[in-house]
Amino acid sequence: MAPPVAARRIPDSAPRPARGGKGEITRAQILSAAVEQASAHGFESLTIGSLAERTGLSKSGLFAHFGSKAELQMAVLEDAARQFTDEVFLPALKAPRGLKRLRALFESWIEWPARANLPGGCPIHVASREYRHTPGPMHDAVMEREKLLARELRKAVNLAIEAGELAPRTDPDQFAFEMVGLVLVVFQGEMIAGTEEAHRRGRVAFERLVKNHSA
């Protein structure tokens, strides 16, 4: 789970494949496979060796794109955030400001993991669980994306308040907090009740949240 991402910062010593060239295409394919693996097994499962086996590429070929496990993990986190932006946030922004946009965001969000073939759910949520109590660059990067997400959700809620569709008394932080909680409950519920039932119950709960804050 993450909002629009900042431009990738690649160390000066890192290889820089030509834009749109074979190297960049290969890197994108590697990242796609790595995001799926991180979703299913966590970011600590990502190693040059495991990804070489998964993609059929040589270890030396992978080293040409990612010089270390740490660089690989960070690149995968950034790509997962980019996917979330492209597949969840940007499509929702096409909806009119207000409740229609909030509903579009919620709907796209709960549908995204299945649509993107992410067997373990949202990779950002996986990373937040994995690095919550582990200080370091991955912890800091995950927290930064969670804060950005909260900020963007607050903006969307404020727009609904300004449009008169949510009550002026609505606390944007609380609404965003509960909305994220509902998404996570849906993901958890998929394992227990199945995707269709979990999504149905999630939509009911979201509409109850909206009703509780209606103008």
C-alpha atoms as a PDB file:
ATOM      1  CA  MET A   1       0.000   0.000   0.000  1.00  0.00           C
ATOM      2  CA  ALA A   2       1.593   3.235  -1.077  1.00  0.00           C
ATOM      3  CA  PRO A   3       0.840   6.512  -2.861  1.00  0.00           C
ATOM      4  CA  PRO A   4       2.765   8.099  -5.741  1.00  0.00           C
ATOM      5  CA  VAL A   5       6.427   7.285  -5.372  1.00  0.00           C
ATOM      6  CA  ALA A   6       9.455   9.478  -5.626  1.00  0.00           C
ATOM      7  CA  ALA A   7      11.926   8.983  -8.452  1.00  0.00           C
ATOM      8  CA  ARG A   8      14.205   6.015  -7.894  1.00  0.00           C
ATOM      9  CA  ARG A   9      17.592   6.996  -6.472  1.00  0.00           C
ATOM     10  CA  ILE A  10      20.247   4.686  -7.919  1.00  0.00           C
ATOM     11  CA  PRO A  11      23.794   4.923  -6.561  1.00  0.00           C
ATOM     12  CA  ASP A  12      26.302   6.356  -9.009  1.00  0.00           C
ATOM     13  CA  SER A  13      28.113   3.020  -9.048  1.00  0.00           C
ATOM     14  CA  ALA A  14      24.997   1.073 -10.014  1.00  0.00           C
ATOM     15  CA  PRO A  15      24.476  -0.029 -13.631  1.00  0.00           C
ATOM     16  CA  ARG A  16      22.077   2.148 -15.620  1.00  0.00           C
ATOM     17  CA  PRO A  17      20.500   0.217 -18.510  1.00  0.00           C
ATOM     18  CA  ALA A  18      19.494   2.259 -21.520  1.00  0.00           C
ATOM     19  CA  ARG A  19      15.950   3.589 -21.228  1.00  0.00           C
ATOM     20  CA  GLY A  20      13.572   1.314 -23.103  1.00  0.00           C
ATOM     21  CA  GLY A  21      16.423  -1.028 -24.037  1.00  0.00           C
ATOM     22  CA  LYS A  22      16.770  -4.725 -23.420  1.00  0.00           C
ATOM     23  CA  GLY A  23      18.417  -4.158 -20.058  1.00  0.00           C
ATOM     24  CA  GLU A  24      15.542  -2.045 -18.791  1.00  0.00           C
ATOM     25  CA  ILE A  25      12.966  -4.547 -20.039  1.00  0.00           C
ATOM     26  CA  THR A  26      14.815  -7.369 -18.291  1.00  0.00           C
ATOM     27  CA  ARG A  27      14.987  -5.332 -15.086  1.00  0.00           C
ATOM     28  CA  ALA A  28      11.236  -4.725 -15.237  1.00  0.00           C
ATOM     29  CA  GLN A  29      10.600  -8.464 -15.693  1.00  0.00           C
ATOM     30  CA  ILE A  30      12.860  -9.260 -12.735  1.00  0.00           C
ATOM     31  CA  LEU A  31      11.053  -6.736 -10.544  1.00  0.00           C
ATOM     32  CA  SER A  32       7.652  -8.094 -11.541  1.00  0.00           C
ATOM     33  CA  ALA A  33       8.678 -11.598 -10.466  1.00  0.00           C
ATOM     34  CA  ALA A  34      10.292 -10.235  -7.303  1.00  0.00           C
ATOM     35  CA  VAL A  35       7.186  -8.300  -6.259  1.00  0.00           C
ATOM     36  CA  GLU A  36       5.136 -11.503  -6.546  1.00  0.00           C
ATOM     37  CA  GLN A  37       7.713 -13.383  -4.468  1.00  0.00           C
ATOM     38  CA  ALA A  38       7.807 -10.640  -1.818  1.00  0.00           C
ATOM     39  CA  SER A  39       4.015 -10.746  -1.600  1.00  0.00           C
ATOM     40  CA  ALA A  40       3.991 -14.504  -1.090  1.00  0.00           C
ATOM     41  CA  HIS A  41       7.104 -15.041   1.029  1.00  0.00           C
ATOM     42  CA  GLY A  42       8.287 -11.669   2.322  1.00  0.00           C
ATOM     43  CA  PHE A  43      11.113  -9.361   1.353  1.00  0.00           C
ATOM     44  CA  GLU A  44      13.720 -11.329   3.284  1.00  0.00           C
ATOM     45  CA  SER A  45      13.100 -14.210   0.879  1.00  0.00           C
ATOM     46  CA  LEU A  46      14.507 -12.043  -1.906  1.00  0.00           C
ATOM     47  CA  THR A  47      18.073 -12.984  -2.712  1.00  0.00           C
ATOM     48  CA  ILE A  48      20.069 -12.923  -5.920  1.00  0.00           C
ATOM     49  CA  GLY A  49      20.109 -16.731  -5.809  1.00  0.00           C
ATOM     50  CA  SER A  50      16.377 -17.265  -5.221  1.00  0.00           C
ATOM     51  CA  LEU A  51      15.461 -14.751  -7.896  1.00  0.00           C
ATOM     52  CA  ALA A  52      17.898 -16.277 -10.378  1.00  0.00           C
ATOM     53  CA  GLU A  53      16.149 -19.605  -9.879  1.00  0.00           C
ATOM     54  CA  ARG A  54      12.695 -18.016 -10.181  1.00  0.00           C
ATOM     55  CA  THR A  55      13.468 -16.058 -13.359  1.00  0.00           C
ATOM     56  CA  GLY A  56      15.872 -18.453 -15.046  1.00  0.00           C
ATOM     57  CA  LEU A  57      18.546 -15.764 -15.221  1.00  0.00           C
ATOM     58  CA  SER A  58      22.123 -16.208 -14.109  1.00  0.00           C
ATOM     59  CA  LYS A  59      23.330 -14.768 -10.807  1.00  0.00           C
ATOM     60  CA  SER A  60      25.850 -12.667 -12.700  1.00  0.00           C
ATOM     61  CA  GLY A  61      23.045 -11.322 -14.875  1.00  0.00           C
ATOM     62  CA  LEU A  62      21.059 -10.325 -11.798  1.00  0.00           C
ATOM     63  CA  PHE A  63      24.107  -8.706 -10.238  1.00  0.00           C
ATOM     64  CA  ALA A  64      24.282  -6.510 -13.336  1.00  0.00           C
ATOM     65  CA  HIS A  65      20.933  -5.032 -12.255  1.00  0.00           C
ATOM     66  CA  PHE A  66      21.124  -5.312  -8.462  1.00  0.00           C
ATOM     67  CA  GLY A  67      24.518  -5.353  -6.828  1.00  0.00           C
ATOM     68  CA  SER A  68      23.302  -6.605  -3.458  1.00  0.00           C
ATOM     69  CA  LYS A  69      20.346  -8.079  -1.609  1.00  0.00           C
ATOM     70  CA  ALA A  70      19.693  -4.720   0.055  1.00  0.00           C
ATOM     71  CA  GLU A  71      19.552  -2.908  -3.286  1.00  0.00           C
ATOM     72  CA  LEU A  72      17.262  -5.606  -4.683  1.00  0.00           C
ATOM     73  CA  GLN A  73      14.859  -5.356  -1.732  1.00  0.00           C
ATOM     74  CA  MET A  74      14.680  -1.568  -1.964  1.00  0.00           C
ATOM     75  CA  ALA A  75      14.069  -1.704  -5.724  1.00  0.00           C
ATOM     76  CA  VAL A  76      11.266  -4.231  -5.216  1.00  0.00           C
ATOM     77  CA  LEU A  77       9.654  -2.060  -2.538  1.00  0.00           C
ATOM     78  CA  GLU A  78       9.761   0.928  -4.868  1.00  0.00           C
ATOM     79  CA  ASP A  79       8.317  -1.082  -7.745  1.00  0.00           C
ATOM     80  CA  ALA A  80       5.499  -2.376  -5.545  1.00  0.00           C
ATOM     81  CA  ALA A  81       4.729   1.238  -4.586  1.00  0.00           C
ATOM     82  CA  ARG A  82       4.783   2.217  -8.256  1.00  0.00           C
ATOM     83  CA  GLN A  83       2.350  -0.587  -9.082  1.00  0.00           C
ATOM     84  CA  PHE A  84       0.020   0.561  -6.308  1.00  0.00           C
ATOM     85  CA  THR A  85       0.136   4.097  -7.668  1.00  0.00           C
ATOM     86  CA  ASP A  86      -0.533   2.986 -11.248  1.00  0.00           C
ATOM     87  CA  GLU A  87      -3.188   0.370 -10.475  1.00  0.00           C
ATOM     88  CA  VAL A  88      -5.006   1.843  -7.483  1.00  0.00           C
ATOM     89  CA  PHE A  89      -4.397   5.536  -6.891  1.00  0.00           C
ATOM     90  CA  LEU A  90      -4.257   7.011 -10.382  1.00  0.00           C
ATOM     91  CA  PRO A  91      -7.404   5.239 -11.663  1.00  0.00           C
ATOM     92  CA  ALA A  92      -9.307   6.444  -8.574  1.00  0.00           C
ATOM     93  CA  LEU A  93      -8.301  10.033  -9.315  1.00  0.00           C
ATOM     94  CA  LYS A  94     -10.344   9.839 -12.523  1.00  0.00           C
ATOM     95  CA  ALA A  95     -13.505   9.669 -10.406  1.00  0.00           C
ATOM     96  CA  PRO A  96     -15.117  12.966  -9.349  1.00  0.00           C
ATOM     97  CA  ARG A  97     -13.850  14.452  -6.093  1.00  0.00           C
ATOM     98  CA  GLY A  98     -15.745  13.331  -3.041  1.00  0.00           C
ATOM     99  CA  LEU A  99     -17.375  10.039  -2.138  1.00  0.00           C
ATOM    100  CA  LYS A 100     -17.187   8.669  -5.678  1.00  0.00           C
ATOM    101  CA  ARG A 101     -13.406   8.998  -5.528  1.00  0.00           C
ATOM    102  CA  LEU A 102     -13.190   7.455  -2.063  1.00  0.00           C
ATOM    103  CA  ARG A 103     -15.366   4.544  -3.187  1.00  0.00           C
ATOM    104  CA  ALA A 104     -13.280   4.080  -6.332  1.00  0.00           C
ATOM    105  CA  LEU A 105     -10.127   4.064  -4.236  1.00  0.00           C
ATOM    106  CA  PHE A 106     -11.502   1.506  -1.785  1.00  0.00           C
ATOM    107  CA  GLU A 107     -12.808  -0.736  -4.561  1.00  0.00           C
ATOM    108  CA  SER A 108      -9.622  -0.615  -6.605  1.00  0.00           C
ATOM    109  CA  TRP A 109      -7.542  -1.194  -3.487  1.00  0.00           C
ATOM    110  CA  ILE A 110      -9.269  -4.388  -2.373  1.00  0.00           C
ATOM    111  CA  GLU A 111      -9.296  -5.742  -5.940  1.00  0.00           C
ATOM    112  CA  TRP A 112      -5.649  -4.977  -6.685  1.00  0.00           C
ATOM    113  CA  PRO A 113      -3.798  -7.996  -5.179  1.00  0.00           C
ATOM    114  CA  ALA A 114      -5.902 -10.561  -7.086  1.00  0.00           C
ATOM    115  CA  ARG A 115      -5.768  -8.492 -10.265  1.00  0.00           C
ATOM    116  CA  ALA A 116      -1.984  -8.134 -10.003  1.00  0.00           C
ATOM    117  CA  ASN A 117      -1.371 -11.800  -9.119  1.00  0.00           C
ATOM    118  CA  LEU A 118      -0.039 -11.014  -5.638  1.00  0.00           C
ATOM    119  CA  PRO A 119      -0.687 -14.253  -3.728  1.00  0.00           C
ATOM    120  CA  GLY A 120       0.187 -12.849  -0.307  1.00  0.00           C
ATOM    121  CA  GLY A 121      -1.665  -9.565  -0.692  1.00  0.00           C
ATOM    122  CA  CYS A 122      -0.282  -6.040  -0.821  1.00  0.00           C
ATOM    123  CA  PRO A 123       3.556  -6.166  -0.764  1.00  0.00           C
ATOM    124  CA  ILE A 124       3.769  -2.861   1.109  1.00  0.00           C
ATOM    125  CA  HIS A 125       1.643  -4.296   3.900  1.00  0.00           C
ATOM    126  CA  VAL A 126       3.849  -7.401   3.890  1.00  0.00           C
ATOM    127  CA  ALA A 127       6.910  -5.167   4.245  1.00  0.00           C
ATOM    128  CA  SER A 128       5.335  -3.116   7.036  1.00  0.00           C
ATOM    129  CA  ARG A 129       4.782  -6.294   9.081  1.00  0.00           C
ATOM    130  CA  GLU A 130       8.220  -7.618   8.264  1.00  0.00           C
ATOM    131  CA  TYR A 131      10.239  -4.506   9.128  1.00  0.00           C
ATOM    132  CA  ARG A 132       8.046  -2.886  11.790  1.00  0.00           C
ATOM    133  CA  HIS A 133      10.509  -3.721  14.569  1.00  0.00           C
ATOM    134  CA  THR A 134      13.673  -3.869  12.468  1.00  0.00           C
ATOM    135  CA  PRO A 135      15.483  -0.513  12.258  1.00  0.00           C
ATOM    136  CA  GLY A 136      17.232   0.210   8.975  1.00  0.00           C
ATOM    137  CA  PRO A 137      16.704   1.496   5.430  1.00  0.00           C
ATOM    138  CA  MET A 138      13.786  -0.838   4.653  1.00  0.00           C
ATOM    139  CA  HIS A 139      11.967   0.130   7.842  1.00  0.00           C
ATOM    140  CA  ASP A 140      12.449   3.820   7.052  1.00  0.00           C
ATOM    141  CA  ALA A 141      11.341   3.391   3.429  1.00  0.00           C
ATOM    142  CA  VAL A 142       8.187   1.505   4.408  1.00  0.00           C
ATOM    143  CA  MET A 143       7.267   4.089   7.058  1.00  0.00           C
ATOM    144  CA  GLU A 144       7.793   6.890   4.535  1.00  0.00           C
ATOM    145  CA  ARG A 145       5.349   5.255   2.128  1.00  0.00           C
ATOM    146  CA  GLU A 146       2.795   4.635   4.877  1.00  0.00           C
ATOM    147  CA  LYS A 147       2.954   8.310   5.854  1.00  0.00           C
ATOM    148  CA  LEU A 148       2.545   9.377   2.227  1.00  0.00           C
ATOM    149  CA  LEU A 149      -0.465   7.104   1.923  1.00  0.00           C
ATOM    150  CA  ALA A 150      -2.058   8.608   5.025  1.00  0.00           C
ATOM    151  CA  ARG A 151      -1.453  12.094   3.648  1.00  0.00           C
ATOM    152  CA  GLU A 152      -3.072  11.303   0.293  1.00  0.00           C
ATOM    153  CA  LEU A 153      -6.061   9.653   1.977  1.00  0.00           C
ATOM    154  CA  ARG A 154      -6.545  12.711   4.188  1.00  0.00           C
ATOM    155  CA  LYS A 155      -6.612  14.864   1.066  1.00  0.00           C
ATOM    156  CA  ALA A 156      -9.290  12.667  -0.504  1.00  0.00           C
ATOM    157  CA  VAL A 157     -11.388  12.803   2.679  1.00  0.00           C
ATOM    158  CA  ASN A 158     -10.999  16.588   2.925  1.00  0.00           C
ATOM    159  CA  LEU A 159     -12.251  16.922  -0.652  1.00  0.00           C
ATOM    160  CA  ALA A 160     -15.357  14.935   0.269  1.00  0.00           C
ATOM    161  CA  ILE A 161     -15.898  17.253   3.242  1.00  0.00           C
ATOM    162  CA  GLU A 162     -15.458  20.324   1.025  1.00  0.00           C
ATOM    163  CA  ALA A 163     -17.952  18.850  -1.450  1.00  0.00           C
ATOM    164  CA  GLY A 164     -20.509  18.598   1.343  1.00  0.00           C
ATOM    165  CA  GLU A 165     -20.703  14.809   1.077  1.00  0.00           C
ATOM    166  CA  LEU A 166     -19.085  14.186   4.459  1.00  0.00           C
ATOM    167  CA  ALA A 167     -20.022  16.118   7.571  1.00  0.00           C
ATOM    168  CA  PRO A 168     -17.842  19.116   8.565  1.00  0.00           C
ATOM    169  CA  ARG A 169     -17.215  17.396  11.903  1.00  0.00           C
ATOM    170  CA  THR A 170     -15.477  14.491  10.119  1.00  0.00           C
ATOM    171  CA  ASP A 171     -11.923  13.895  11.317  1.00  0.00           C
ATOM    172  CA  PRO A 172      -9.951  13.147   8.109  1.00  0.00           C
ATOM    173  CA  ASP A 173      -7.236  11.300  10.026  1.00  0.00           C
ATOM    174  CA  GLN A 174      -9.764   9.046  11.744  1.00  0.00           C
ATOM    175  CA  PHE A 175     -11.674   8.355   8.533  1.00  0.00           C
ATOM    176  CA  ALA A 176      -8.430   7.472   6.708  1.00  0.00           C
ATOM    177  CA  PHE A 177      -7.322   5.303   9.633  1.00  0.00           C
ATOM    178  CA  GLU A 178     -10.571   3.336   9.580  1.00  0.00           C
ATOM    179  CA  MET A 179     -10.509   3.045   5.782  1.00  0.00           C
ATOM    180  CA  VAL A 180      -7.041   1.481   5.847  1.00  0.00           C
ATOM    181  CA  GLY A 181      -8.219  -0.836   8.633  1.00  0.00           C
ATOM    182  CA  LEU A 182     -11.142  -2.009   6.509  1.00  0.00           C
ATOM    183  CA  VAL A 183      -8.842  -2.778   3.578  1.00  0.00           C
ATOM    184  CA  LEU A 184      -6.566  -4.855   5.800  1.00  0.00           C
ATOM    185  CA  VAL A 185      -9.551  -6.694   7.294  1.00  0.00           C
ATOM    186  CA  VAL A 186     -10.731  -7.522   3.775  1.00  0.00           C
ATOM    187  CA  PHE A 187      -7.329  -8.999   2.921  1.00  0.00           C
ATOM    188  CA  GLN A 188      -7.376 -11.016   6.145  1.00  0.00           C
ATOM    189  CA  GLY A 189     -10.970 -12.100   5.554  1.00  0.00           C
ATOM    190  CA  GLU A 190     -10.154 -13.483   2.121  1.00  0.00           C
ATOM    191  CA  MET A 191      -8.280 -16.344   3.789  1.00  0.00           C
ATOM    192  CA  ILE A 192     -11.225 -17.179   6.041  1.00  0.00           C
ATOM    193  CA  ALA A 193     -14.387 -16.380   4.098  1.00  0.00           C
ATOM    194  CA  GLY A 194     -13.072 -16.336   0.535  1.00  0.00           C
ATOM    195  CA  THR A 195     -12.524 -13.371  -1.751  1.00  0.00           C
ATOM    196  CA  GLU A 196     -16.121 -12.770  -2.820  1.00  0.00           C
ATOM    197  CA  GLU A 197     -17.561 -12.829   0.703  1.00  0.00           C
ATOM    198  CA  ALA A 198     -14.708 -10.781   2.176  1.00  0.00           C
ATOM    199  CA  HIS A 199     -15.148  -8.114  -0.486  1.00  0.00           C
ATOM    200  CA  ARG A 200     -18.926  -8.040   0.037  1.00  0.00           C
ATOM    201  CA  ARG A 201     -18.520  -7.559   3.764  1.00  0.00           C
ATOM    202  CA  GLY A 202     -15.798  -4.985   3.193  1.00  0.00           C
ATOM    203  CA  ARG A 203     -18.087  -2.917   0.966  1.00  0.00           C
ATOM    204  CA  VAL A 204     -20.856  -3.072   3.570  1.00  0.00           C
ATOM    205  CA  ALA A 205     -18.436  -1.911   6.252  1.00  0.00           C
ATOM    206  CA  PHE A 206     -17.139   0.913   4.066  1.00  0.00           C
ATOM    207  CA  GLU A 207     -20.661   2.183   3.387  1.00  0.00           C
ATOM    208  CA  ARG A 208     -21.335   2.082   7.134  1.00  0.00           C
ATOM    209  CA  LEU A 209     -18.218   4.205   7.660  1.00  0.00           C
ATOM    210  CA  VAL A 210     -19.463   6.697   5.063  1.00  0.00           C
ATOM    211  CA  LYS A 211     -22.929   6.773   6.646  1.00  0.00           C
ATOM    212  CA  ASN A 212     -21.464   7.497  10.065  1.00  0.00           C
ATOM    213  CA  HIS A 213     -19.772  10.584   8.652  1.00  0.00           C
ATOM    214  CA  SER A 214     -22.431  11.712   6.174  1.00  0.00           C
ATOM    215  CA  ALA A 215     -23.379  15.375   6.054  1.00  0.00           C
END
